[in-house]
Amino acid sequence: MKYTKTLIILIILATLIIFGVNNTQTFELAFFGYCLARPLELWILLTGFFFAGMVAMFLIGLPEKISIILQTKSLEKKLSLHENNLKSSEETKTSSEPR
């Protein structure tokens, strides 16, 4: 029972892969009068568009990720500065107390 969901997903995935690879009719890609030089199988087209979409989404999300990384570094520097100030103020407080 622990792995039934994973097993069902693997069975569905295997079925879709077998379906895609076994359907070998060719498709011709045309866009605004431009026609692909040779016809390709559907699974090759889908895989190509999938990876092209992944690259596009990565590039779209890249500026946000860089911004988050820079903000994190800035906040870590501020935190380190505040921790050092707190330590130094505690040291001066303990050293100024009478014994």
Foldseek 3Di string as FASTA:
>chain_A
DVCPVVVVVVVVVVVVVVVQVVQFDWDWDDDPHDTDPDTGRPVVVVVVVVVVVVVVVCVVCVVVVVVVVVVVVVVVVVVVVVVVVVVVVVVVVVVPDDD
